[in-house]
C-alpha atoms as a PDB file:
ATOM      1  CA  MET A   1      20.255  -2.063 -10.193  1.00  0.00           C
ATOM      2  CA  GLU A   2      21.215  -4.970 -12.450  1.00  0.00           C
ATOM      3  CA  GLN A   3      19.906  -7.474  -9.889  1.00  0.00           C
ATOM      4  CA  ARG A   4      16.547  -5.671  -9.809  1.00  0.00           C
ATOM      5  CA  ASN A   5      16.252  -5.885 -13.611  1.00  0.00           C
ATOM      6  CA  GLU A   6      17.197  -9.563 -13.466  1.00  0.00           C
ATOM      7  CA  LEU A   7      14.493 -10.275 -10.879  1.00  0.00           C
ATOM      8  CA  ALA A   8      11.908  -8.326 -12.889  1.00  0.00           C
ATOM      9  CA  SER A   9      12.509 -10.551 -15.921  1.00  0.00           C
ATOM     10  CA  GLN A  10      11.919 -13.748 -13.912  1.00  0.00           C
ATOM     11  CA  PRO A  11       8.521 -15.145 -12.923  1.00  0.00           C
ATOM     12  CA  LEU A  12       7.351 -14.208  -9.440  1.00  0.00           C
ATOM     13  CA  LEU A  13       6.597 -17.826  -8.504  1.00  0.00           C
ATOM     14  CA  LEU A  14       8.314 -21.012  -9.622  1.00  0.00           C
ATOM     15  CA  THR A  15       6.976 -24.544  -9.876  1.00  0.00           C
ATOM     16  CA  ILE A  16       8.876 -27.359  -8.196  1.00  0.00           C
ATOM     17  CA  PRO A  17      10.309 -28.573 -11.546  1.00  0.00           C
ATOM     18  CA  GLN A  18      11.490 -25.013 -12.290  1.00  0.00           C
ATOM     19  CA  VAL A  19      13.187 -24.818  -8.883  1.00  0.00           C
ATOM     20  CA  ALA A  20      14.798 -28.202  -9.511  1.00  0.00           C
ATOM     21  CA  THR A  21      16.159 -26.979 -12.848  1.00  0.00           C
ATOM     22  CA  LYS A  22      17.479 -23.726 -11.364  1.00  0.00           C
ATOM     23  CA  LEU A  23      19.266 -25.599  -8.571  1.00  0.00           C
ATOM     24  CA  GLY A  24      20.398 -28.497 -10.748  1.00  0.00           C
ATOM     25  CA  LEU A  25      18.591 -30.985  -8.532  1.00  0.00           C
ATOM     26  CA  SER A  26      15.829 -33.544  -8.897  1.00  0.00           C
ATOM     27  CA  ARG A  27      12.218 -32.786  -7.992  1.00  0.00           C
ATOM     28  CA  ALA A  28      12.506 -35.292  -5.144  1.00  0.00           C
ATOM     29  CA  MET A  29      15.493 -33.429  -3.733  1.00  0.00           C
ATOM     30  CA  VAL A  30      13.602 -30.116  -3.897  1.00  0.00           C
ATOM     31  CA  TYR A  31      10.738 -31.657  -1.913  1.00  0.00           C
ATOM     32  CA  ASN A  32      13.369 -32.944   0.521  1.00  0.00           C
ATOM     33  CA  LEU A  33      14.718 -29.396   0.914  1.00  0.00           C
ATOM     34  CA  ILE A  34      11.188 -28.139   1.532  1.00  0.00           C
ATOM     35  CA  ASN A  35      10.431 -30.761   4.178  1.00  0.00           C
ATOM     36  CA  ARG A  36      13.811 -30.961   5.928  1.00  0.00           C
ATOM     37  CA  GLU A  37      15.756 -27.789   5.192  1.00  0.00           C
ATOM     38  CA  GLY A  38      13.045 -25.150   5.316  1.00  0.00           C
ATOM     39  CA  LEU A  39      12.901 -24.105   1.670  1.00  0.00           C
ATOM     40  CA  PRO A  40       9.928 -21.705   1.825  1.00  0.00           C
ATOM     41  CA  VAL A  41       6.880 -22.470  -0.290  1.00  0.00           C
ATOM     42  CA  ILE A  42       3.513 -20.927  -1.049  1.00  0.00           C
ATOM     43  CA  HIS A  43       0.437 -23.148  -1.278  1.00  0.00           C
ATOM     44  CA  LEU A  44      -2.188 -22.014  -3.782  1.00  0.00           C
ATOM     45  CA  GLY A  45      -4.909 -24.608  -3.439  1.00  0.00           C
ATOM     46  CA  ARG A  46      -3.147 -27.868  -4.296  1.00  0.00           C
ATOM     47  CA  ALA A  47      -0.357 -26.081  -6.176  1.00  0.00           C
ATOM     48  CA  VAL A  48       3.003 -25.598  -4.472  1.00  0.00           C
ATOM     49  CA  ARG A  49       5.123 -22.667  -5.593  1.00  0.00           C
ATOM     50  CA  VAL A  50       8.413 -21.104  -4.523  1.00  0.00           C
ATOM     51  CA  SER A  51       8.910 -17.363  -4.661  1.00  0.00           C
ATOM     52  CA  THR A  52      11.890 -16.361  -6.807  1.00  0.00           C
ATOM     53  CA  ALA A  53      12.968 -13.845  -4.166  1.00  0.00           C
ATOM     54  CA  SER A  54      12.609 -16.395  -1.343  1.00  0.00           C
ATOM     55  CA  LEU A  55      14.645 -18.952  -3.277  1.00  0.00           C
ATOM     56  CA  GLN A  56      17.437 -16.432  -3.846  1.00  0.00           C
ATOM     57  CA  LYS A  57      17.435 -15.421  -0.168  1.00  0.00           C
ATOM     58  CA  TRP A  58      17.356 -19.065   0.995  1.00  0.00           C
ATOM     59  CA  VAL A  59      20.371 -19.949  -1.181  1.00  0.00           C
ATOM     60  CA  GLU A  60      22.286 -16.877   0.038  1.00  0.00           C
ATOM     61  CA  GLU A  61      21.577 -17.831   3.659  1.00  0.00           C
ATOM     62  CA  ARG A  62      22.938 -21.343   3.003  1.00  0.00           C
ATOM     63  CA  GLU A  63      26.068 -19.865   1.398  1.00  0.00           C
ATOM     64  CA  GLU A  64      26.622 -17.620   4.410  1.00  0.00           C
ATOM     65  CA  SER A  65      26.105 -20.513   6.841  1.00  0.00           C
ATOM     66  CA  ALA A  66      28.602 -22.639   4.918  1.00  0.00           C
ATOM     67  CA  ARG A  67      31.130 -19.798   4.867  1.00  0.00           C
ATOM     68  CA  LEU A  68      30.809 -19.244   8.610  1.00  0.00           C
ATOM     69  CA  ALA A  69      31.133 -22.962   9.308  1.00  0.00           C
ATOM     70  CA  GLN A  70      34.292 -23.127   7.204  1.00  0.00           C
ATOM     71  CA  GLU A  71      35.796 -20.171   9.034  1.00  0.00           C
ATOM     72  CA  GLU A  72      34.855 -21.664  12.400  1.00  0.00           C
ATOM     73  CA  HIS A  73      36.599 -24.911  11.556  1.00  0.00           C
ATOM     74  CA  GLY A  74      39.590 -23.252   9.920  1.00  0.00           C
ATOM     75  CA  PHE A  75      38.784 -24.402   6.398  1.00  0.00           C
ATOM     76  CA  PHE A  76      39.594 -21.943   3.674  1.00  0.00           C
ATOM     77  CA  LEU A  77      39.010 -22.499   0.008  1.00  0.00           C
ATOM     78  CA  VAL A  78      41.738 -21.197  -2.241  1.00  0.00           C
ATOM     79  CA  ALA A  79      40.724 -20.105  -5.725  1.00  0.00           C
ATOM     80  CA  ARG A  80      43.015 -21.338  -8.454  1.00  0.00           C
END
């Protein structure tokens, strides 16, 4: 329920600079992720936007892929 409230308080669509800020990356790197890593975008005329929900899902998918790759290769991170 808390996640739903959190999503409701965020804008539905983000600009590229907003995505860059959220991810702690440069705008150029966000465009790189769009072109090479499949970060989903919505084109509204000339404007490019990223859905908040799609961004969250995309990040979660990357986390899961990284976790599976670590398990496959026998790497385990130990929290200190």
